[in-house]
PDB file of N, CA and C in Angstrom:
ATOM      1  N   MET A   1      33.859 -15.047   0.891  1.00  0.00           N
ATOM      2  CA  MET A   1      32.655 -15.366   1.617  1.00  0.00           C
ATOM      3  C   MET A   1      31.962 -14.112   2.143  1.00  0.00           C
ATOM      4  N   ASP A   2      32.713 -13.050   2.380  1.00  0.00           N
ATOM      5  CA  ASP A   2      32.149 -11.806   2.893  1.00  0.00           C
ATOM      6  C   ASP A   2      31.201 -11.171   1.875  1.00  0.00           C
ATOM      7  N   LYS A   3      31.564 -11.251   0.603  1.00  0.00           N
ATOM      8  CA  LYS A   3      30.693 -10.694  -0.436  1.00  0.00           C
ATOM      9  C   LYS A   3      29.399 -11.483  -0.537  1.00  0.00           C
ATOM     10  N   HIS A   4      29.474 -12.784  -0.257  1.00  0.00           N
ATOM     11  CA  HIS A   4      28.281 -13.620  -0.297  1.00  0.00           C
ATOM     12  C   HIS A   4      27.299 -13.200   0.803  1.00  0.00           C
ATOM     13  N   LYS A   5      27.817 -12.923   2.003  1.00  0.00           N
ATOM     14  CA  LYS A   5      26.958 -12.459   3.098  1.00  0.00           C
ATOM     15  C   LYS A   5      26.347 -11.100   2.778  1.00  0.00           C
ATOM     16  N   GLU A   6      27.142 -10.234   2.186  1.00  0.00           N
ATOM     17  CA  GLU A   6      26.645  -8.907   1.823  1.00  0.00           C
ATOM     18  C   GLU A   6      25.548  -9.014   0.768  1.00  0.00           C
ATOM     19  N   LEU A   7      25.735  -9.897  -0.207  1.00  0.00           N
ATOM     20  CA  LEU A   7      24.728 -10.100  -1.245  1.00  0.00           C
ATOM     21  C   LEU A   7      23.442 -10.656  -0.650  1.00  0.00           C
ATOM     22  N   ASP A   8      23.568 -11.601   0.274  1.00  0.00           N
ATOM     23  CA  ASP A   8      22.385 -12.140   0.941  1.00  0.00           C
ATOM     24  C   ASP A   8      21.668 -11.070   1.752  1.00  0.00           C
ATOM     25  N   SER A   9      22.429 -10.196   2.383  1.00  0.00           N
ATOM     26  CA  SER A   9      21.838  -9.102   3.155  1.00  0.00           C
ATOM     27  C   SER A   9      21.066  -8.146   2.250  1.00  0.00           C
ATOM     28  N   VAL A  10      21.647  -7.818   1.109  1.00  0.00           N
ATOM     29  CA  VAL A  10      20.971  -6.926   0.163  1.00  0.00           C
ATOM     30  C   VAL A  10      19.712  -7.587  -0.377  1.00  0.00           C
ATOM     31  N   LYS A  11      19.785  -8.875  -0.672  1.00  0.00           N
ATOM     32  CA  LYS A  11      18.613  -9.595  -1.175  1.00  0.00           C
ATOM     33  C   LYS A  11      17.490  -9.612  -0.147  1.00  0.00           C
ATOM     34  N   SER A  12      17.829  -9.897   1.102  1.00  0.00           N
ATOM     35  CA  SER A  12      16.787  -9.965   2.125  1.00  0.00           C
ATOM     36  C   SER A  12      16.174  -8.593   2.393  1.00  0.00           C
ATOM     37  N   ARG A  13      17.001  -7.552   2.433  1.00  0.00           N
ATOM     38  CA  ARG A  13      16.460  -6.202   2.633  1.00  0.00           C
ATOM     39  C   ARG A  13      15.598  -5.781   1.455  1.00  0.00           C
ATOM     40  N   SER A  14      16.002  -6.142   0.242  1.00  0.00           N
ATOM     41  CA  SER A  14      15.214  -5.804  -0.944  1.00  0.00           C
ATOM     42  C   SER A  14      13.874  -6.510  -0.911  1.00  0.00           C
ATOM     43  N   PHE A  15      13.888  -7.783  -0.535  1.00  0.00           N
ATOM     44  CA  PHE A  15      12.639  -8.541  -0.458  1.00  0.00           C
ATOM     45  C   PHE A  15      11.702  -7.938   0.580  1.00  0.00           C
ATOM     46  N   ILE A  16      12.242  -7.586   1.737  1.00  0.00           N
ATOM     47  CA  ILE A  16      11.422  -6.978   2.789  1.00  0.00           C
ATOM     48  C   ILE A  16      10.856  -5.640   2.321  1.00  0.00           C
ATOM     49  N   SER A  17      11.647  -4.854   1.620  1.00  0.00           N
ATOM     50  CA  SER A  17      11.179  -3.556   1.123  1.00  0.00           C
ATOM     51  C   SER A  17      10.063  -3.721   0.105  1.00  0.00           C
ATOM     52  N   VAL A  18      10.231  -4.663  -0.814  1.00  0.00           N
ATOM     53  CA  VAL A  18       9.203  -4.894  -1.833  1.00  0.00           C
ATOM     54  C   VAL A  18       7.930  -5.427  -1.189  1.00  0.00           C
ATOM     55  N   ALA A  19       8.064  -6.354  -0.250  1.00  0.00           N
ATOM     56  CA  ALA A  19       6.892  -6.896   0.434  1.00  0.00           C
ATOM     57  C   ALA A  19       6.164  -5.799   1.211  1.00  0.00           C
ATOM     58  N   SER A  20       6.905  -4.933   1.865  1.00  0.00           N
ATOM     59  CA  SER A  20       6.298  -3.829   2.605  1.00  0.00           C
ATOM     60  C   SER A  20       5.568  -2.872   1.667  1.00  0.00           C
ATOM     61  N   LEU A  21       6.192  -2.563   0.544  1.00  0.00           N
ATOM     62  CA  LEU A  21       5.563  -1.675  -0.430  1.00  0.00           C
ATOM     63  C   LEU A  21       4.272  -2.279  -0.974  1.00  0.00           C
ATOM     64  N   LEU A  22       4.290  -3.571  -1.293  1.00  0.00           N
ATOM     65  CA  LEU A  22       3.083  -4.233  -1.783  1.00  0.00           C
ATOM     66  C   LEU A  22       1.994  -4.279  -0.718  1.00  0.00           C
ATOM     67  N   ALA A  23       2.372  -4.544   0.523  1.00  0.00           N
ATOM     68  CA  ALA A  23       1.389  -4.590   1.605  1.00  0.00           C
ATOM     69  C   ALA A  23       0.761  -3.220   1.832  1.00  0.00           C
ATOM     70  N   GLN A  24       1.576  -2.172   1.833  1.00  0.00           N
ATOM     71  CA  GLN A  24       1.043  -0.824   2.025  1.00  0.00           C
ATOM     72  C   GLN A  24       0.139  -0.423   0.869  1.00  0.00           C
ATOM     73  N   GLY A  25       0.541  -0.744  -0.341  1.00  0.00           N
ATOM     74  CA  GLY A  25      -0.276  -0.421  -1.511  1.00  0.00           C
ATOM     75  C   GLY A  25      -1.589  -1.169  -1.505  1.00  0.00           C
ATOM     76  N   SER A  26      -1.548  -2.443  -1.123  1.00  0.00           N
ATOM     77  CA  SER A  26      -2.775  -3.245  -1.067  1.00  0.00           C
ATOM     78  C   SER A  26      -3.718  -2.718   0.004  1.00  0.00           C
ATOM     79  N   TYR A  27      -3.163  -2.381   1.159  1.00  0.00           N
ATOM     80  CA  TYR A  27      -3.981  -1.841   2.245  1.00  0.00           C
ATOM     81  C   TYR A  27      -4.629  -0.525   1.825  1.00  0.00           C
ATOM     82  N   THR A  28      -3.864   0.327   1.186  1.00  0.00           N
ATOM     83  CA  THR A  28      -4.390   1.616   0.743  1.00  0.00           C
ATOM     84  C   THR A  28      -5.478   1.431  -0.306  1.00  0.00           C
ATOM     85  N   ALA A  29      -5.259   0.518  -1.241  1.00  0.00           N
ATOM     86  CA  ALA A  29      -6.259   0.270  -2.280  1.00  0.00           C
ATOM     87  C   ALA A  29      -7.542  -0.289  -1.678  1.00  0.00           C
ATOM     88  N   LEU A  30      -7.419  -1.205  -0.739  1.00  0.00           N
ATOM     89  CA  LEU A  30      -8.592  -1.787  -0.095  1.00  0.00           C
ATOM     90  C   LEU A  30      -9.354  -0.738   0.709  1.00  0.00           C
ATOM     91  N   LEU A  31      -8.635   0.085   1.429  1.00  0.00           N
ATOM     92  CA  LEU A  31      -9.267   1.146   2.207  1.00  0.00           C
ATOM     93  C   LEU A  31      -9.954   2.164   1.293  1.00  0.00           C
ATOM     94  N   GLY A  32      -9.300   2.518   0.197  1.00  0.00           N
ATOM     95  CA  GLY A  32      -9.898   3.443  -0.764  1.00  0.00           C
ATOM     96  C   GLY A  32     -11.142   2.873  -1.414  1.00  0.00           C
ATOM     97  N   PHE A  33     -11.104   1.581  -1.748  1.00  0.00           N
ATOM     98  CA  PHE A  33     -12.278   0.939  -2.339  1.00  0.00           C
ATOM     99  C   PHE A  33     -13.442   0.927  -1.363  1.00  0.00           C
ATOM    100  N   ALA A  34     -13.159   0.612  -0.100  1.00  0.00           N
ATOM    101  CA  ALA A  34     -14.217   0.593   0.911  1.00  0.00           C
ATOM    102  C   ALA A  34     -14.814   1.989   1.100  1.00  0.00           C
ATOM    103  N   ALA A  35     -13.966   3.001   1.137  1.00  0.00           N
ATOM    104  CA  ALA A  35     -14.462   4.372   1.297  1.00  0.00           C
ATOM    105  C   ALA A  35     -15.295   4.788   0.093  1.00  0.00           C
ATOM    106  N   PHE A  36     -14.842   4.454  -1.105  1.00  0.00           N
ATOM    107  CA  PHE A  36     -15.584   4.810  -2.312  1.00  0.00           C
ATOM    108  C   PHE A  36     -16.919   4.065  -2.357  1.00  0.00           C
ATOM    109  N   PHE A  37     -16.921   2.800  -1.958  1.00  0.00           N
ATOM    110  CA  PHE A  37     -18.150   2.013  -1.942  1.00  0.00           C
ATOM    111  C   PHE A  37     -19.161   2.610  -0.974  1.00  0.00           C
ATOM    112  N   MET A  38     -18.705   2.981   0.218  1.00  0.00           N
ATOM    113  CA  MET A  38     -19.614   3.587   1.192  1.00  0.00           C
ATOM    114  C   MET A  38     -20.104   4.946   0.713  1.00  0.00           C
ATOM    115  N   LEU A  39     -19.240   5.687   0.039  1.00  0.00           N
ATOM    116  CA  LEU A  39     -19.622   6.998  -0.470  1.00  0.00           C
ATOM    117  C   LEU A  39     -20.670   6.879  -1.570  1.00  0.00           C
ATOM    118  N   THR A  40     -20.557   5.873  -2.421  1.00  0.00           N
ATOM    119  CA  THR A  40     -21.539   5.702  -3.495  1.00  0.00           C
ATOM    120  C   THR A  40     -22.903   5.325  -2.942  1.00  0.00           C
ATOM    121  N   ILE A  41     -22.922   4.595  -1.851  1.00  0.00           N
ATOM    122  CA  ILE A  41     -24.195   4.200  -1.256  1.00  0.00           C
ATOM    123  C   ILE A  41     -24.859   5.379  -0.551  1.00  0.00           C
ATOM    124  N   LYS A  42     -24.070   6.183   0.138  1.00  0.00           N
ATOM    125  CA  LYS A  42     -24.618   7.230   0.998  1.00  0.00           C
ATOM    126  C   LYS A  42     -24.844   8.582   0.319  1.00  0.00           C
ATOM    127  N   SER A  43     -24.225   8.830  -0.834  1.00  0.00           N
ATOM    128  CA  SER A  43     -24.304  10.185  -1.382  1.00  0.00           C
ATOM    129  C   SER A  43     -24.685  10.178  -2.859  1.00  0.00           C
ATOM    130  N   GLY A  44     -24.794  11.379  -3.394  1.00  0.00           N
ATOM    131  CA  GLY A  44     -25.154  11.545  -4.792  1.00  0.00           C
ATOM    132  C   GLY A  44     -23.941  11.586  -5.704  1.00  0.00           C
ATOM    133  N   VAL A  45     -24.223  11.766  -6.978  1.00  0.00           N
ATOM    134  CA  VAL A  45     -23.183  11.735  -8.000  1.00  0.00           C
ATOM    135  C   VAL A  45     -22.245  12.935  -7.874  1.00  0.00           C
ATOM    136  N   TYR A  46     -22.751  14.096  -7.512  1.00  0.00           N
ATOM    137  CA  TYR A  46     -21.914  15.300  -7.433  1.00  0.00           C
ATOM    138  C   TYR A  46     -20.783  15.132  -6.422  1.00  0.00           C
ATOM    139  N   LEU A  47     -21.058  14.430  -5.322  1.00  0.00           N
ATOM    140  CA  LEU A  47     -20.042  14.233  -4.296  1.00  0.00           C
ATOM    141  C   LEU A  47     -18.955  13.262  -4.753  1.00  0.00           C
ATOM    142  N   LEU A  48     -19.306  12.341  -5.631  1.00  0.00           N
ATOM    143  CA  LEU A  48     -18.306  11.403  -6.154  1.00  0.00           C
ATOM    144  C   LEU A  48     -17.266  12.132  -6.998  1.00  0.00           C
ATOM    145  N   GLY A  49     -17.710  13.120  -7.759  1.00  0.00           N
ATOM    146  CA  GLY A  49     -16.769  13.907  -8.556  1.00  0.00           C
ATOM    147  C   GLY A  49     -15.806  14.689  -7.683  1.00  0.00           C
ATOM    148  N   ILE A  50     -16.328  15.270  -6.614  1.00  0.00           N
ATOM    149  CA  ILE A  50     -15.470  16.009  -5.680  1.00  0.00           C
ATOM    150  C   ILE A  50     -14.484  15.054  -5.010  1.00  0.00           C
ATOM    151  N   TYR A  51     -14.963  13.895  -4.605  1.00  0.00           N
ATOM    152  CA  TYR A  51     -14.113  12.896  -3.948  1.00  0.00           C
ATOM    153  C   TYR A  51     -12.983  12.454  -4.880  1.00  0.00           C
ATOM    154  N   ASN A  52     -13.309  12.164  -6.129  1.00  0.00           N
ATOM    155  CA  ASN A  52     -12.279  11.736  -7.085  1.00  0.00           C
ATOM    156  C   ASN A  52     -11.285  12.854  -7.385  1.00  0.00           C
ATOM    157  N   THR A  53     -11.747  14.086  -7.438  1.00  0.00           N
ATOM    158  CA  THR A  53     -10.846  15.216  -7.670  1.00  0.00           C
ATOM    159  C   THR A  53      -9.874  15.387  -6.504  1.00  0.00           C
ATOM    160  N   VAL A  54     -10.383  15.271  -5.295  1.00  0.00           N
ATOM    161  CA  VAL A  54      -9.521  15.376  -4.111  1.00  0.00           C
ATOM    162  C   VAL A  54      -8.506  14.232  -4.086  1.00  0.00           C
ATOM    163  N   LEU A  55      -8.935  13.026  -4.431  1.00  0.00           N
ATOM    164  CA  LEU A  55      -8.003  11.894  -4.466  1.00  0.00           C
ATOM    165  C   LEU A  55      -6.906  12.104  -5.505  1.00  0.00           C
ATOM    166  N   ALA A  56      -7.262  12.635  -6.664  1.00  0.00           N
ATOM    167  CA  ALA A  56      -6.262  12.895  -7.702  1.00  0.00           C
ATOM    168  C   ALA A  56      -5.271  13.964  -7.245  1.00  0.00           C
ATOM    169  N   ALA A  57      -5.775  15.008  -6.591  1.00  0.00           N
ATOM    170  CA  ALA A  57      -4.889  16.063  -6.089  1.00  0.00           C
ATOM    171  C   ALA A  57      -3.942  15.517  -5.017  1.00  0.00           C
ATOM    172  N   LEU A  58      -4.455  14.684  -4.124  1.00  0.00           N
ATOM    173  CA  LEU A  58      -3.600  14.086  -3.097  1.00  0.00           C
ATOM    174  C   LEU A  58      -2.536  13.181  -3.711  1.00  0.00           C
ATOM    175  N   GLY A  59      -2.902  12.445  -4.738  1.00  0.00           N
ATOM    176  CA  GLY A  59      -1.921  11.601  -5.423  1.00  0.00           C
ATOM    177  C   GLY A  59      -0.820  12.423  -6.059  1.00  0.00           C
ATOM    178  N   ALA A  60      -1.184  13.541  -6.682  1.00  0.00           N
ATOM    179  CA  ALA A  60      -0.183  14.415  -7.301  1.00  0.00           C
ATOM    180  C   ALA A  60       0.727  15.033  -6.237  1.00  0.00           C
ATOM    181  N   PHE A  61       0.153  15.492  -5.124  1.00  0.00           N
ATOM    182  CA  PHE A  61       0.963  16.053  -4.037  1.00  0.00           C
ATOM    183  C   PHE A  61       1.924  15.006  -3.470  1.00  0.00           C
ATOM    184  N   ASN A  62       1.428  13.793  -3.304  1.00  0.00           N
ATOM    185  CA  ASN A  62       2.266  12.714  -2.780  1.00  0.00           C
ATOM    186  C   ASN A  62       3.421  12.415  -3.724  1.00  0.00           C
ATOM    187  N   TYR A  63       3.153  12.397  -5.003  1.00  0.00           N
ATOM    188  CA  TYR A  63       4.197  12.124  -6.002  1.00  0.00           C
ATOM    189  C   TYR A  63       5.291  13.189  -5.950  1.00  0.00           C
ATOM    190  N   PHE A  64       4.888  14.453  -5.954  1.00  0.00           N
ATOM    191  CA  PHE A  64       5.877  15.528  -5.940  1.00  0.00           C
ATOM    192  C   PHE A  64       6.610  15.622  -4.597  1.00  0.00           C
ATOM    193  N   THR A  65       5.944  15.257  -3.513  1.00  0.00           N
ATOM    194  CA  THR A  65       6.606  15.213  -2.214  1.00  0.00           C
ATOM    195  C   THR A  65       7.699  14.153  -2.211  1.00  0.00           C
ATOM    196  N   ASN A  66       7.400  12.991  -2.780  1.00  0.00           N
ATOM    197  CA  ASN A  66       8.411  11.930  -2.853  1.00  0.00           C
ATOM    198  C   ASN A  66       9.590  12.355  -3.714  1.00  0.00           C
ATOM    199  N   LEU A  67       9.333  13.054  -4.802  1.00  0.00           N
ATOM    200  CA  LEU A  67      10.427  13.535  -5.648  1.00  0.00           C
ATOM    201  C   LEU A  67      11.306  14.528  -4.894  1.00  0.00           C
ATOM    202  N   GLY A  68      10.692  15.432  -4.172  1.00  0.00           N
ATOM    203  CA  GLY A  68      11.455  16.417  -3.407  1.00  0.00           C
ATOM    204  C   GLY A  68      12.253  15.778  -2.294  1.00  0.00           C
ATOM    205  N   LEU A  69      11.666  14.793  -1.626  1.00  0.00           N
ATOM    206  CA  LEU A  69      12.375  14.097  -0.558  1.00  0.00           C
ATOM    207  C   LEU A  69      13.563  13.327  -1.115  1.00  0.00           C
ATOM    208  N   ALA A  70      13.378  12.664  -2.239  1.00  0.00           N
ATOM    209  CA  ALA A  70      14.483  11.915  -2.849  1.00  0.00           C
ATOM    210  C   ALA A  70      15.613  12.856  -3.260  1.00  0.00           C
ATOM    211  N   ALA A  71      15.269  13.999  -3.833  1.00  0.00           N
ATOM    212  CA  ALA A  71      16.302  14.959  -4.240  1.00  0.00           C
ATOM    213  C   ALA A  71      17.059  15.496  -3.027  1.00  0.00           C
ATOM    214  N   ALA A  72      16.336  15.769  -1.951  1.00  0.00           N
ATOM    215  CA  ALA A  72      16.991  16.278  -0.740  1.00  0.00           C
ATOM    216  C   ALA A  72      17.920  15.230  -0.134  1.00  0.00           C
ATOM    217  N   LEU A  73      17.494  13.981  -0.147  1.00  0.00           N
ATOM    218  CA  LEU A  73      18.336  12.928   0.412  1.00  0.00           C
ATOM    219  C   LEU A  73      19.562  12.663  -0.446  1.00  0.00           C
ATOM    220  N   MET A  74      19.430  12.810  -1.755  1.00  0.00           N
ATOM    221  CA  MET A  74      20.570  12.583  -2.645  1.00  0.00           C
ATOM    222  C   MET A  74      21.629  13.667  -2.465  1.00  0.00           C
ATOM    223  N   GLN A  75      21.233  14.857  -2.040  1.00  0.00           N
ATOM    224  CA  GLN A  75      22.181  15.951  -1.869  1.00  0.00           C
ATOM    225  C   GLN A  75      22.944  15.866  -0.548  1.00  0.00           C
ATOM    226  N   LYS A  76      22.453  15.060   0.389  1.00  0.00           N
ATOM    227  CA  LYS A  76      23.145  14.934   1.673  1.00  0.00           C
ATOM    228  C   LYS A  76      24.442  14.157   1.492  1.00  0.00           C
ATOM    229  N   LYS A  77      25.481  14.611   2.158  1.00  0.00           N
ATOM    230  CA  LYS A  77      26.772  13.924   2.071  1.00  0.00           C
ATOM    231  C   LYS A  77      26.783  12.664   2.929  1.00  0.00           C
ATOM    232  N   LYS A  78      26.236  12.756   4.129  1.00  0.00           N
ATOM    233  CA  LYS A  78      26.161  11.598   5.016  1.00  0.00           C
ATOM    234  C   LYS A  78      24.701  11.355   5.373  1.00  0.00           C
ATOM    235  N   LEU A  79      24.259  10.127   5.169  1.00  0.00           N
ATOM    236  CA  LEU A  79      22.896   9.764   5.525  1.00  0.00           C
ATOM    237  C   LEU A  79      22.905   8.986   6.832  1.00  0.00           C
ATOM    238  N   ASN A  80      22.016   9.367   7.704  1.00  0.00           N
ATOM    239  CA  ASN A  80      21.860   8.693   8.973  1.00  0.00           C
ATOM    240  C   ASN A  80      20.569   7.886   8.904  1.00  0.00           C
ATOM    241  N   LYS A  81      20.571   6.686   9.470  1.00  0.00           N
ATOM    242  CA  LYS A  81      19.367   5.861   9.435  1.00  0.00           C
ATOM    243  C   LYS A  81      18.211   6.556  10.153  1.00  0.00           C
ATOM    244  N   LEU A  82      18.523   7.341  11.157  1.00  0.00           N
ATOM    245  CA  LEU A  82      17.498   8.067  11.896  1.00  0.00           C
ATOM    246  C   LEU A  82      16.774   9.078  11.007  1.00  0.00           C
ATOM    247  N   ILE A  83      17.473   9.612  10.016  1.00  0.00           N
ATOM    248  CA  ILE A  83      16.871  10.569   9.084  1.00  0.00           C
ATOM    249  C   ILE A  83      15.937   9.860   8.112  1.00  0.00           C
ATOM    250  N   LEU A  84      16.280   8.646   7.725  1.00  0.00           N
ATOM    251  CA  LEU A  84      15.520   7.943   6.696  1.00  0.00           C
ATOM    252  C   LEU A  84      14.251   7.276   7.203  1.00  0.00           C
ATOM    253  N   ILE A  85      14.199   6.899   8.449  1.00  0.00           N
ATOM    254  CA  ILE A  85      13.074   6.106   8.938  1.00  0.00           C
ATOM    255  C   ILE A  85      11.737   6.861   8.926  1.00  0.00           C
ATOM    256  N   PRO A  86      11.576   8.026   9.555  1.00  0.00           N
ATOM    257  CA  PRO A  86      10.249   8.651   9.635  1.00  0.00           C
ATOM    258  C   PRO A  86       9.591   8.991   8.292  1.00  0.00           C
ATOM    259  N   PRO A  87      10.289   9.568   7.321  1.00  0.00           N
ATOM    260  CA  PRO A  87       9.578   9.915   6.091  1.00  0.00           C
ATOM    261  C   PRO A  87       9.025   8.713   5.347  1.00  0.00           C
ATOM    262  N   PHE A  88       9.738   7.605   5.379  1.00  0.00           N
ATOM    263  CA  PHE A  88       9.288   6.458   4.613  1.00  0.00           C
ATOM    264  C   PHE A  88       8.292   5.599   5.374  1.00  0.00           C
ATOM    265  N   ILE A  89       8.211   5.755   6.668  1.00  0.00           N
ATOM    266  CA  ILE A  89       7.182   5.049   7.429  1.00  0.00           C
ATOM    267  C   ILE A  89       5.851   5.780   7.292  1.00  0.00           C
ATOM    268  N   PHE A  90       5.867   7.099   7.420  1.00  0.00           N
ATOM    269  CA  PHE A  90       4.631   7.866   7.397  1.00  0.00           C
ATOM    270  C   PHE A  90       4.160   8.196   5.996  1.00  0.00           C
ATOM    271  N   ASN A  91       4.977   7.937   4.995  1.00  0.00           N
ATOM    272  CA  ASN A  91       4.593   8.253   3.629  1.00  0.00           C
ATOM    273  C   ASN A  91       3.874   7.119   3.068  1.00  0.00           C
TER     274      ASN A  91
END
């Protein structure tokens, strides 16, 4: 019965993690769409190119930051929950 409780715990934590990831992604996409929509109304075409270039650069930086953080966490012998919370909340 202990393994059943552990499996249920893993399932519930996985569901919460996936739901959180989807909510954060949806919020970010909606915010980005609103910003892009306002930018298209208020500015010219040249500024849209700069905006898209900056967004692409930020996406690349975010991707490589996540890779570096994952590698650093995998090298730790003991993980503390206090270490894991801030990077994944603010990322």
